[in-house]
Protein backbone atom coordinates (compact mmCIF):
# COMPACT_ATOMS: atom_id res chain seq x y z
CA UNK A 1 160.42 124.63 43.75
CA UNK A 2 158.46 126.98 46.01
CA UNK A 3 157.45 130.53 45.21
CA UNK A 4 158.49 132.76 48.08
CA UNK A 5 157.85 136.44 48.83
CA UNK A 6 160.22 138.69 50.74
CA UNK A 7 159.14 142.12 51.86
CA UNK A 8 161.45 145.06 51.26
CA UNK A 9 161.45 148.65 52.52
CA UNK A 10 159.52 149.88 49.51
CA UNK A 11 157.75 146.78 48.24
CA UNK A 12 158.34 143.06 47.78
CA UNK A 13 160.25 140.42 45.81
CA UNK A 14 158.77 137.15 44.52
CA UNK A 15 161.25 134.39 43.68
CA UNK A 16 161.83 130.70 43.00
CA UNK A 17 163.65 129.24 46.00
CA UNK A 18 165.11 126.47 43.82
CA UNK A 19 167.07 129.14 41.94
CA UNK A 20 167.70 131.62 44.77
CA UNK A 21 168.40 131.06 48.46
CA UNK A 22 167.02 134.52 49.15
CA UNK A 23 166.27 137.65 47.16
CA UNK A 24 167.57 141.15 47.74
CA UNK A 25 167.10 144.49 45.91
CA UNK A 26 170.69 144.51 44.64
CA UNK A 27 169.84 141.59 42.36
CA UNK A 28 167.78 143.97 40.22
CA UNK A 29 170.52 146.52 39.58
CA UNK A 30 171.52 146.48 35.86
CA UNK A 31 175.10 145.26 35.45
CA UNK A 32 177.71 146.83 33.21
CA UNK A 33 177.17 144.41 30.33
CA UNK A 34 175.76 144.71 26.84
CA UNK A 35 172.06 145.33 26.43
CA UNK A 36 170.50 142.15 25.02
CA UNK A 37 167.16 143.62 23.96
CA UNK A 38 166.28 144.10 20.30
CA UNK A 39 163.16 146.18 19.81
CA UNK A 40 160.51 146.49 22.47
CA UNK A 41 159.88 149.30 24.93
CA UNK A 42 162.64 148.73 27.46
CA UNK A 43 166.09 147.41 28.06
CA UNK A 44 167.07 143.92 29.14
CA UNK A 45 170.39 143.03 30.72
CA UNK A 46 172.28 139.78 31.21
CA UNK A 47 173.04 138.67 34.74
CA UNK A 48 175.91 136.17 34.96
CA UNK A 49 175.17 133.45 37.51
CA UNK A 50 177.95 130.85 37.62
CA UNK A 51 177.34 128.79 34.43
CA UNK A 52 173.84 130.20 34.03
CA UNK A 53 172.61 133.47 32.56
CA UNK A 54 169.54 135.42 33.57
CA UNK A 55 167.77 138.30 31.86
CA UNK A 56 166.67 141.35 33.84
CA UNK A 57 163.87 143.43 32.35
CA UNK A 58 162.52 146.72 33.71
CA UNK A 59 158.85 147.42 33.01
CA UNK A 60 158.32 150.48 30.82
CA UNK A 61 155.25 151.98 29.25
CA UNK A 62 154.79 152.26 25.52
CA UNK A 63 152.76 154.58 23.33
CA UNK A 64 151.58 158.02 24.42
CA UNK A 65 151.50 157.25 28.19
CA UNK A 66 155.16 156.24 27.98
CA UNK A 67 156.12 159.78 27.00
CA UNK A 68 154.93 161.11 30.34
CA UNK A 69 155.09 158.23 32.84
CA UNK A 70 157.84 155.96 31.56
CA UNK A 71 157.90 153.27 34.21
CA UNK A 72 155.16 154.01 36.77
CA UNK A 73 151.89 152.11 37.11
CA UNK A 74 148.80 152.60 39.25
CA UNK A 75 148.90 150.52 42.42
CA UNK A 76 145.84 148.29 42.85
CA UNK A 77 147.44 145.45 44.80
CA UNK A 78 150.48 143.18 44.74
CA UNK A 79 148.82 140.16 43.11
CA UNK A 80 147.59 142.22 40.15
CA UNK A 81 150.83 144.12 39.62
CA UNK A 82 152.52 143.47 36.28
CA UNK A 83 155.63 141.72 37.66
CA UNK A 84 153.59 139.40 39.91
CA UNK A 85 151.08 138.58 37.18
CA UNK A 86 153.75 137.81 34.58
CA UNK A 87 155.91 135.79 36.99
CA UNK A 88 153.00 133.57 37.99
CA UNK A 89 151.82 133.13 34.39
CA UNK A 90 155.32 132.17 33.25
CA UNK A 91 155.68 129.81 36.18
CA UNK A 92 152.46 128.01 35.24
CA UNK A 93 153.35 127.81 31.54
CA UNK A 94 156.88 126.58 32.28
CA UNK A 95 155.54 123.82 34.54
CA UNK A 96 153.12 122.79 31.79
CA UNK A 97 156.04 122.29 29.42
CA UNK A 98 155.32 125.24 27.15
CA UNK A 99 158.43 126.87 25.60
CA UNK A 100 158.86 129.98 27.75
CA UNK A 101 161.77 131.27 29.82
CA UNK A 102 161.77 130.05 33.42
CA UNK A 103 160.90 132.87 35.85
CA UNK A 104 163.46 133.59 38.55
CA UNK A 105 162.34 136.67 40.47
CA UNK A 106 160.03 139.67 40.29
CA UNK A 107 160.21 142.96 42.18
CA UNK A 108 157.71 145.70 42.95
CA UNK A 109 158.75 149.10 44.35
CA UNK A 110 155.80 151.07 45.60
CA UNK A 111 155.60 154.86 46.05
CA UNK A 112 152.15 155.95 47.22
CA UNK A 113 149.57 155.25 44.52
CA UNK A 114 152.20 154.21 41.97
CA UNK A 115 154.75 151.43 41.58
CA UNK A 116 157.70 150.34 39.44
CA UNK A 117 158.57 146.77 38.53
CA UNK A 118 161.25 144.36 37.31
CA UNK A 119 161.36 140.73 36.20
CA UNK A 120 164.23 138.24 35.98
CA UNK A 121 164.01 135.09 33.85
CA UNK A 122 166.53 132.46 32.79
CA UNK A 123 168.09 133.26 29.45
CA UNK A 124 167.33 130.85 26.60
CA UNK A 125 170.79 129.78 25.36
CA UNK A 126 171.91 130.72 21.85
CA UNK A 127 168.51 132.12 20.92
CA UNK A 128 167.74 135.04 18.60
CA UNK A 129 164.50 136.77 17.85
CA UNK A 130 162.49 136.07 14.74
CA UNK A 131 163.11 139.70 13.78
CA UNK A 132 166.88 139.18 13.96
CA UNK A 133 166.64 136.05 11.83
CA UNK A 134 164.63 137.94 9.22
CA UNK A 135 167.02 140.89 9.13
CA UNK A 136 170.05 138.61 8.78
CA UNK A 137 168.46 136.60 5.98
CA UNK A 138 168.68 133.32 7.87
CA UNK A 139 166.45 130.34 7.20
CA UNK A 140 163.32 130.21 9.33
CA UNK A 141 161.21 127.08 10.03
CA UNK A 142 157.89 128.83 9.50
CA UNK A 143 155.75 125.73 9.97
CA UNK A 144 157.44 125.04 13.32
CA UNK A 145 156.76 128.62 14.41
CA UNK A 146 153.10 128.11 13.51
CA UNK A 147 152.93 124.86 15.48
CA UNK A 148 154.43 126.58 18.51
CA UNK A 149 151.85 129.38 18.37
CA UNK A 150 149.06 126.83 18.11
CA UNK A 151 150.32 125.06 21.25
CA UNK A 152 149.95 128.28 23.20
CA UNK A 153 146.51 129.01 21.76
CA UNK A 154 145.30 125.49 22.51
CA UNK A 155 146.42 126.09 26.11
CA UNK A 156 144.30 129.26 26.15
CA UNK A 157 147.31 131.59 26.28
CA UNK A 158 146.79 135.02 24.75
CA UNK A 159 150.07 136.91 24.26
CA UNK A 160 149.28 140.60 24.56
CA UNK A 161 152.09 141.70 22.25
CA UNK A 162 152.77 138.91 19.79
CA UNK A 163 155.38 140.27 17.40
CA UNK A 164 158.60 139.21 15.69
CA UNK A 165 160.72 140.45 18.61
CA UNK A 166 158.95 138.24 21.16
CA UNK A 167 159.42 134.99 19.25
CA UNK A 168 162.84 133.36 19.71
CA UNK A 169 164.57 130.56 17.81
CA UNK A 170 167.58 128.71 19.21
CA UNK A 171 170.37 126.94 17.32
CA UNK A 172 168.24 123.81 16.97
CA UNK A 173 165.37 125.91 15.55
CA UNK A 174 163.23 125.37 18.64
CA UNK A 175 160.68 128.16 19.03
CA UNK A 176 160.01 130.08 22.26
CA UNK A 177 157.75 132.97 23.27
CA UNK A 178 158.93 135.68 25.65
CA UNK A 179 157.54 138.87 27.26
CA UNK A 180 154.18 137.88 28.69
CA UNK A 181 153.45 141.27 30.24
CA UNK A 182 149.62 141.59 30.32
CA UNK A 183 149.29 138.03 29.00
CA UNK A 184 146.10 136.16 29.90
CA UNK A 185 144.47 132.74 29.66
CA UNK A 186 141.15 132.57 27.83
CA UNK A 187 138.65 130.19 26.34
CA UNK A 188 137.80 129.87 22.67
CA UNK A 189 137.28 133.17 20.87
CA UNK A 190 138.24 135.63 18.15
CA UNK A 191 141.35 136.60 20.12
CA UNK A 192 143.31 133.82 18.39
CA UNK A 193 142.87 135.40 14.98
CA UNK A 194 143.61 138.84 16.43
CA UNK A 195 146.82 137.43 17.91
CA UNK A 196 147.97 136.14 14.53
CA UNK A 197 146.97 139.39 12.81
CA UNK A 198 149.12 141.32 15.25
CA UNK A 199 152.08 139.13 14.36
CA UNK A 200 151.40 139.61 10.65
CA UNK A 201 151.44 143.41 11.07
CA UNK A 202 154.78 143.12 12.85
CA UNK A 203 156.21 141.05 10.00
CA UNK A 204 154.82 143.45 7.38
CA UNK A 205 156.46 146.36 9.20
CA UNK A 206 159.83 144.61 9.15
CA UNK A 207 159.43 143.71 5.48
CA UNK A 208 158.86 147.31 4.39
CA UNK A 209 156.95 148.52 1.34
CA UNK A 210 156.63 145.13 -0.35
CA UNK A 211 155.00 143.52 2.69
CA UNK A 212 155.83 140.18 4.23
CA UNK A 213 156.46 137.10 2.08
CA UNK A 214 153.06 135.46 1.55
CA UNK A 215 154.60 132.03 0.98
CA UNK A 216 156.33 132.17 4.38
CA UNK A 217 153.11 133.34 6.06
CA UNK A 218 151.17 130.50 4.41
CA UNK A 219 153.74 128.03 5.75
CA UNK A 220 153.30 129.45 9.25
CA UNK A 221 149.50 129.14 9.00
CA UNK A 222 149.82 125.60 7.66
CA UNK A 223 151.93 124.64 10.66
CA UNK A 224 149.43 126.36 12.95
CA UNK A 225 146.58 124.35 11.45
CA UNK A 226 148.26 120.96 11.59
CA UNK A 227 147.72 120.69 15.35
CA UNK A 228 143.99 121.04 14.94
């Protein structure tokens, strides 16, 4: 696999040449299929590729800025743009054997001092978010989820938005993390606890007034600690 960059009229496309012979802007046009996103700021669409499926995600802002500038970001260079940063982080994590979706292509469209972006990854087969599992009342291997999170933390990976929508479980109960927008790699620090606290707030929000099941959270933390 070689990461290649193709220039376009308004920007550039970064792609894996083992998955694509070449990249073109039309690849990033949302198809007329069901939206596969649950929660989160933006939509994600399925791209059918022979026997494979890819997920296309358009970068959108959240919070107050998102009310005014939904999908525009300040241009400070291609290598630091959100699509490029996330693609390269995912590529590194995937090669290290961490459970993340394989990156396919990223696109940046520049307009003066601003840009828009998109990312395509391979879809994880038969996977549903932790939030979906919770809402459907399905069994969840909490200790395994904790062990997965610890693997990422031991690799120095800080997920910028660790919540129940960005944790996936497949039919074999294997755990994956998705959506590494603004993700970073760091050394030891308090960020690990902050990461877990963010997830706990997400679970509490889904649980409603009674808060999240403490027994399940304890099982997750036990799994997280077992790798130490």
